[in-house]
């Protein structure tokens, strides 16, 4: 009996994410994932406490596929701000992978060649 309230509290958080897919033609489609909007975050007694707006959602990620292979990814913080962007060729990371702080400044930039990390620049 004591486990039931805990399970009931977790259920709303599990089913909130939404997936949206749009196919432009036989070779290009976009997949987008949405989640709860983060409205408050702080550390209390060494633990992270976060509050989410259950009535509002934000884009969490966007994957673009070309010929059924991953072409690029973009991910966002829970607040909706840009987190990182990556380029792919034939499903392998190739080109820029840029990670941002939540204030929009670049945290680091990595360059990949055929899935292999070539360089990292930290800002």
N, C-alpha and C. Protein backbone atom coordinates (compact mmCIF):
# COMPACT_ATOMS: atom_id res chain seq x y z
N UNK A 1 0.81 -1.21 0.00
CA UNK A 1 0.00 0.00 0.00
C UNK A 1 0.85 1.26 0.00
N UNK A 2 1.96 1.27 0.68
CA UNK A 2 2.78 2.47 0.76
C UNK A 2 3.45 2.80 -0.58
N UNK A 3 3.65 1.82 -1.46
CA UNK A 3 4.28 2.06 -2.75
C UNK A 3 3.33 2.72 -3.74
N UNK A 4 2.05 2.53 -3.60
CA UNK A 4 1.08 3.06 -4.54
C UNK A 4 1.12 4.57 -4.68
N UNK A 5 1.17 5.37 -3.61
CA UNK A 5 1.23 6.83 -3.78
C UNK A 5 2.48 7.28 -4.55
N UNK A 6 3.61 6.63 -4.33
CA UNK A 6 4.83 6.98 -5.05
C UNK A 6 4.66 6.72 -6.54
N UNK A 7 4.09 5.60 -6.90
CA UNK A 7 3.86 5.27 -8.30
C UNK A 7 2.91 6.27 -8.93
N UNK A 8 1.86 6.63 -8.24
CA UNK A 8 0.90 7.58 -8.77
C UNK A 8 1.52 8.96 -8.99
N UNK A 9 2.47 9.35 -8.14
CA UNK A 9 3.14 10.63 -8.32
C UNK A 9 4.05 10.62 -9.54
N UNK A 10 4.58 9.48 -9.91
CA UNK A 10 5.49 9.39 -11.05
C UNK A 10 4.77 9.31 -12.39
N UNK A 11 3.57 8.83 -12.41
CA UNK A 11 2.86 8.61 -13.67
C UNK A 11 2.73 9.88 -14.51
N UNK A 12 2.36 11.05 -13.96
CA UNK A 12 2.24 12.22 -14.82
C UNK A 12 3.55 12.62 -15.49
N UNK A 13 4.68 12.37 -14.86
CA UNK A 13 5.96 12.75 -15.43
C UNK A 13 6.37 11.83 -16.56
N UNK A 14 5.97 10.58 -16.52
CA UNK A 14 6.37 9.61 -17.53
C UNK A 14 5.72 9.90 -18.88
N UNK A 15 4.45 10.21 -18.90
CA UNK A 15 3.72 10.32 -20.14
C UNK A 15 3.67 11.70 -20.76
N UNK A 16 4.42 12.66 -20.26
CA UNK A 16 4.28 14.03 -20.74
C UNK A 16 4.96 14.28 -22.07
N UNK A 17 6.10 13.65 -22.35
CA UNK A 17 6.85 13.89 -23.57
C UNK A 17 6.04 13.58 -24.81
N UNK A 18 6.25 14.38 -25.84
CA UNK A 18 5.53 14.19 -27.09
C UNK A 18 6.53 14.09 -28.23
N UNK A 19 6.24 13.26 -29.20
CA UNK A 19 7.08 13.09 -30.37
C UNK A 19 6.31 13.52 -31.60
N UNK A 20 6.94 14.31 -32.44
CA UNK A 20 6.32 14.81 -33.66
C UNK A 20 7.24 14.48 -34.82
N UNK A 21 6.73 13.87 -35.86
CA UNK A 21 7.52 13.54 -37.04
C UNK A 21 6.83 14.13 -38.28
N UNK A 22 7.62 14.79 -39.12
CA UNK A 22 7.09 15.36 -40.36
C UNK A 22 7.95 14.87 -41.52
N UNK A 23 7.31 14.23 -42.48
CA UNK A 23 8.01 13.73 -43.65
C UNK A 23 7.78 14.71 -44.81
N UNK A 24 8.88 15.22 -45.36
CA UNK A 24 8.78 16.19 -46.46
C UNK A 24 8.69 15.49 -47.80
N UNK A 25 9.44 14.41 -47.97
CA UNK A 25 9.38 13.58 -49.16
C UNK A 25 10.02 12.24 -48.80
N UNK A 26 10.32 11.41 -49.79
CA UNK A 26 10.86 10.08 -49.50
C UNK A 26 12.25 10.11 -48.88
N UNK A 27 12.95 11.24 -48.99
CA UNK A 27 14.34 11.26 -48.50
C UNK A 27 14.58 12.17 -47.30
N UNK A 28 13.62 13.05 -46.94
CA UNK A 28 13.84 13.99 -45.84
C UNK A 28 12.68 13.92 -44.85
N UNK A 29 13.03 13.76 -43.57
CA UNK A 29 12.02 13.91 -42.52
C UNK A 29 12.65 14.46 -41.25
N UNK A 30 11.81 15.07 -40.43
CA UNK A 30 12.23 15.70 -39.18
C UNK A 30 11.50 15.04 -38.02
N UNK A 31 12.23 14.80 -36.95
CA UNK A 31 11.66 14.24 -35.73
C UNK A 31 11.90 15.26 -34.62
N UNK A 32 10.84 15.63 -33.91
CA UNK A 32 10.95 16.60 -32.82
C UNK A 32 10.37 16.00 -31.55
N UNK A 33 11.06 16.25 -30.43
CA UNK A 33 10.59 15.79 -29.13
C UNK A 33 10.29 16.98 -28.24
N UNK A 34 9.16 16.93 -27.57
CA UNK A 34 8.74 18.02 -26.69
C UNK A 34 8.66 17.51 -25.26
N UNK A 35 8.93 18.38 -24.30
CA UNK A 35 8.84 18.01 -22.89
C UNK A 35 8.37 19.19 -22.05
N UNK A 36 8.36 18.97 -20.77
CA UNK A 36 7.90 19.99 -19.83
C UNK A 36 8.84 21.19 -19.82
N UNK A 37 8.27 22.37 -19.64
CA UNK A 37 9.05 23.59 -19.57
C UNK A 37 9.55 23.81 -18.14
N UNK A 38 10.87 23.93 -18.01
CA UNK A 38 11.48 24.19 -16.71
C UNK A 38 11.24 25.65 -16.34
N UNK A 39 10.66 25.89 -15.16
CA UNK A 39 10.39 27.27 -14.76
C UNK A 39 11.20 27.70 -13.54
N UNK A 40 11.83 26.73 -12.84
CA UNK A 40 12.54 27.08 -11.62
C UNK A 40 13.54 25.98 -11.29
N UNK A 41 14.75 26.36 -10.89
CA UNK A 41 15.76 25.38 -10.50
C UNK A 41 16.69 26.00 -9.47
N UNK A 42 16.98 25.26 -8.40
CA UNK A 42 17.94 25.72 -7.41
C UNK A 42 18.47 24.52 -6.64
N UNK A 43 19.56 24.73 -5.93
CA UNK A 43 20.15 23.67 -5.10
C UNK A 43 19.78 23.96 -3.65
N UNK A 44 19.12 22.99 -3.02
CA UNK A 44 18.71 23.11 -1.62
C UNK A 44 19.28 21.91 -0.87
N UNK A 45 20.09 22.18 0.14
CA UNK A 45 20.72 21.12 0.94
C UNK A 45 21.44 20.10 0.07
N UNK A 46 22.15 20.58 -0.96
CA UNK A 46 22.93 19.70 -1.81
C UNK A 46 22.14 18.94 -2.86
N UNK A 47 20.84 19.20 -2.97
CA UNK A 47 20.00 18.52 -3.97
C UNK A 47 19.45 19.53 -4.95
N UNK A 48 19.33 19.14 -6.19
CA UNK A 48 18.74 20.01 -7.21
C UNK A 48 17.22 19.90 -7.12
N UNK A 49 16.56 21.04 -6.99
CA UNK A 49 15.11 21.10 -6.95
C UNK A 49 14.65 21.83 -8.21
N UNK A 50 13.80 21.17 -8.99
CA UNK A 50 13.30 21.77 -10.24
C UNK A 50 11.78 21.75 -10.24
N UNK A 51 11.21 22.80 -10.81
CA UNK A 51 9.76 22.87 -10.98
C UNK A 51 9.47 23.06 -12.46
N UNK A 52 8.46 22.35 -12.95
CA UNK A 52 8.10 22.39 -14.36
C UNK A 52 6.66 22.87 -14.52
N UNK A 53 6.39 23.53 -15.62
CA UNK A 53 5.04 23.96 -15.95
C UNK A 53 4.39 22.83 -16.74
N UNK A 54 3.47 22.11 -16.12
CA UNK A 54 2.82 20.97 -16.76
C UNK A 54 1.85 21.38 -17.86
N UNK A 55 1.51 22.67 -17.93
CA UNK A 55 0.58 23.14 -18.95
C UNK A 55 1.31 23.70 -20.17
N UNK A 56 2.63 23.76 -20.11
CA UNK A 56 3.42 24.32 -21.20
C UNK A 56 4.53 23.35 -21.56
N UNK A 57 4.88 23.30 -22.82
CA UNK A 57 5.97 22.41 -23.24
C UNK A 57 6.95 23.19 -24.10
N UNK A 58 8.15 22.65 -24.20
CA UNK A 58 9.20 23.25 -25.02
C UNK A 58 9.79 22.17 -25.91
N UNK A 59 10.38 22.60 -27.00
CA UNK A 59 11.09 21.69 -27.88
C UNK A 59 12.36 21.22 -27.17
N UNK A 60 12.54 19.91 -27.02
CA UNK A 60 13.72 19.35 -26.38
C UNK A 60 14.81 19.01 -27.39
N UNK A 61 14.40 18.50 -28.54
CA UNK A 61 15.38 18.14 -29.57
C UNK A 61 14.73 18.11 -30.94
N UNK A 62 15.60 18.20 -31.95
CA UNK A 62 15.16 18.06 -33.33
C UNK A 62 16.23 17.26 -34.07
N UNK A 63 15.80 16.19 -34.72
CA UNK A 63 16.69 15.36 -35.53
C UNK A 63 16.23 15.47 -36.98
N UNK A 64 17.15 15.75 -37.87
CA UNK A 64 16.83 15.80 -39.30
C UNK A 64 17.50 14.62 -39.97
N UNK A 65 16.70 13.87 -40.74
CA UNK A 65 17.20 12.69 -41.44
C UNK A 65 17.19 12.93 -42.94
N UNK A 66 18.23 12.49 -43.61
CA UNK A 66 18.34 12.58 -45.06
C UNK A 66 18.64 11.18 -45.57
N UNK A 67 17.76 10.67 -46.44
CA UNK A 67 17.88 9.29 -46.94
C UNK A 67 17.95 8.28 -45.79
N UNK A 68 17.10 8.50 -44.79
CA UNK A 68 16.98 7.63 -43.61
C UNK A 68 18.24 7.56 -42.76
N UNK A 69 19.13 8.55 -42.90
CA UNK A 69 20.33 8.62 -42.06
C UNK A 69 20.36 9.99 -41.38
N UNK A 70 20.80 9.99 -40.13
CA UNK A 70 20.85 11.22 -39.36
C UNK A 70 21.73 12.25 -40.05
N UNK A 71 21.21 13.47 -40.24
CA UNK A 71 21.94 14.55 -40.91
C UNK A 71 22.35 15.65 -39.92
N UNK A 72 21.49 15.93 -38.92
CA UNK A 72 21.82 16.93 -37.91
C UNK A 72 20.94 16.74 -36.68
N UNK A 73 21.47 17.19 -35.54
CA UNK A 73 20.70 17.18 -34.30
C UNK A 73 20.83 18.54 -33.63
N UNK A 74 19.77 18.96 -33.00
CA UNK A 74 19.76 20.18 -32.20
C UNK A 74 19.02 19.84 -30.91
N UNK A 75 19.62 20.19 -29.77
CA UNK A 75 18.98 19.93 -28.48
C UNK A 75 18.86 21.23 -27.69
N UNK A 76 17.85 21.26 -26.82
CA UNK A 76 17.54 22.47 -26.07
C UNK A 76 17.47 22.19 -24.59
N UNK A 77 17.82 23.19 -23.79
CA UNK A 77 17.64 23.11 -22.34
C UNK A 77 16.14 23.07 -22.03
N UNK A 78 15.79 22.69 -20.81
CA UNK A 78 14.39 22.64 -20.39
C UNK A 78 13.70 23.99 -20.43
N UNK A 79 14.49 25.06 -20.49
CA UNK A 79 13.93 26.41 -20.59
C UNK A 79 13.64 26.80 -22.03
N UNK A 80 14.08 25.97 -22.99
CA UNK A 80 13.89 26.27 -24.40
C UNK A 80 15.11 26.88 -25.06
N UNK A 81 16.14 27.19 -24.28
CA UNK A 81 17.37 27.77 -24.84
C UNK A 81 18.20 26.69 -25.52
N UNK A 82 18.95 27.07 -26.55
CA UNK A 82 19.78 26.16 -27.31
C UNK A 82 20.85 25.52 -26.43
N UNK A 83 21.01 24.19 -26.52
CA UNK A 83 22.01 23.46 -25.75
C UNK A 83 23.16 23.03 -26.65
N UNK A 84 22.86 22.28 -27.73
CA UNK A 84 23.93 21.93 -28.67
C UNK A 84 23.39 21.63 -30.05
N UNK A 85 24.28 21.70 -31.03
CA UNK A 85 23.98 21.39 -32.43
C UNK A 85 25.09 20.50 -32.96
N UNK A 86 24.72 19.48 -33.74
CA UNK A 86 25.70 18.57 -34.33
C UNK A 86 25.35 18.31 -35.78
N UNK A 87 26.39 18.14 -36.60
CA UNK A 87 26.22 17.82 -38.01
C UNK A 87 26.64 16.36 -38.23
N UNK A 88 25.97 15.71 -39.17
CA UNK A 88 26.25 14.32 -39.49
C UNK A 88 26.31 14.15 -41.00
N UNK A 89 27.07 13.16 -41.46
CA UNK A 89 27.07 12.75 -42.86
C UNK A 89 26.93 11.23 -42.86
N UNK A 90 25.92 10.74 -43.57
CA UNK A 90 25.63 9.31 -43.60
C UNK A 90 25.49 8.70 -42.21
N UNK A 91 24.89 9.45 -41.30
CA UNK A 91 24.61 8.95 -39.96
C UNK A 91 25.78 9.01 -38.99
N UNK A 92 26.93 9.51 -39.43
CA UNK A 92 28.10 9.63 -38.55
C UNK A 92 28.37 11.10 -38.30
N UNK A 93 28.75 11.40 -37.06
CA UNK A 93 29.05 12.80 -36.71
C UNK A 93 30.19 13.28 -37.61
N UNK A 94 29.95 14.39 -38.28
CA UNK A 94 30.93 14.91 -39.23
C UNK A 94 30.74 16.42 -39.34
N UNK A 95 31.75 17.15 -38.97
CA UNK A 95 31.64 18.61 -38.98
C UNK A 95 31.57 19.14 -37.56
N UNK A 96 30.84 20.21 -37.39
CA UNK A 96 30.78 20.91 -36.10
C UNK A 96 29.82 20.26 -35.11
N UNK A 97 30.26 20.23 -33.86
CA UNK A 97 29.41 19.92 -32.72
C UNK A 97 29.64 21.08 -31.75
N UNK A 98 28.61 21.92 -31.57
CA UNK A 98 28.76 23.12 -30.75
C UNK A 98 27.84 23.02 -29.55
N UNK A 99 28.41 23.22 -28.36
CA UNK A 99 27.66 23.17 -27.10
C UNK A 99 27.60 24.59 -26.52
N UNK A 100 26.42 24.98 -26.04
CA UNK A 100 26.19 26.33 -25.54
C UNK A 100 25.84 26.31 -24.06
N UNK A 101 26.22 27.38 -23.37
CA UNK A 101 25.70 27.63 -22.02
C UNK A 101 24.25 28.08 -22.17
N UNK A 102 23.52 28.04 -21.09
CA UNK A 102 22.11 28.42 -21.15
C UNK A 102 21.91 29.90 -21.48
N UNK A 103 22.94 30.73 -21.25
CA UNK A 103 22.82 32.15 -21.59
C UNK A 103 23.12 32.42 -23.07
N UNK A 104 23.42 31.36 -23.85
CA UNK A 104 23.63 31.51 -25.29
C UNK A 104 25.09 31.59 -25.71
N UNK A 105 25.99 31.72 -24.76
CA UNK A 105 27.42 31.78 -25.09
C UNK A 105 27.92 30.37 -25.40
N UNK A 106 28.92 30.28 -26.29
CA UNK A 106 29.47 28.98 -26.65
C UNK A 106 30.32 28.43 -25.51
N UNK A 107 30.07 27.20 -25.13
CA UNK A 107 30.82 26.51 -24.08
C UNK A 107 32.05 25.82 -24.70
N UNK A 108 31.82 25.08 -25.78
CA UNK A 108 32.92 24.48 -26.53
C UNK A 108 32.46 24.14 -27.95
N UNK A 109 33.43 23.96 -28.82
CA UNK A 109 33.17 23.58 -30.21
C UNK A 109 34.08 22.41 -30.54
N UNK A 110 33.50 21.35 -31.09
CA UNK A 110 34.27 20.19 -31.49
C UNK A 110 34.10 19.99 -32.99
N UNK A 111 35.14 19.47 -33.61
CA UNK A 111 35.08 19.15 -35.03
C UNK A 111 35.31 17.65 -35.19
N UNK A 112 34.40 17.01 -35.93
CA UNK A 112 34.47 15.58 -36.18
C UNK A 112 34.70 15.32 -37.66
N UNK A 113 35.40 14.24 -37.96
CA UNK A 113 35.61 13.79 -39.32
C UNK A 113 35.29 12.31 -39.37
N UNK A 114 34.21 11.97 -40.05
CA UNK A 114 33.76 10.57 -40.17
C UNK A 114 33.61 9.88 -38.81
N UNK A 115 33.03 10.59 -37.85
CA UNK A 115 32.75 10.02 -36.53
C UNK A 115 33.90 10.09 -35.55
N UNK A 116 35.03 10.64 -35.96
CA UNK A 116 36.21 10.73 -35.08
C UNK A 116 36.43 12.17 -34.67
N UNK A 117 36.59 12.40 -33.38
CA UNK A 117 36.84 13.73 -32.85
C UNK A 117 38.24 14.20 -33.30
N UNK A 118 38.28 15.35 -33.98
CA UNK A 118 39.53 15.89 -34.50
C UNK A 118 40.07 16.99 -33.59
N UNK A 119 39.18 17.88 -33.12
CA UNK A 119 39.64 18.95 -32.24
C UNK A 119 38.51 19.44 -31.34
N UNK A 120 38.94 20.04 -30.22
CA UNK A 120 38.00 20.66 -29.27
C UNK A 120 38.54 22.03 -28.90
N UNK A 121 37.67 23.03 -28.98
CA UNK A 121 38.03 24.39 -28.56
C UNK A 121 37.06 24.77 -27.45
N UNK A 122 37.61 25.09 -26.28
CA UNK A 122 36.79 25.52 -25.15
C UNK A 122 36.82 27.03 -25.05
N UNK A 123 35.68 27.62 -24.71
CA UNK A 123 35.58 29.08 -24.63
C UNK A 123 35.42 29.52 -23.20
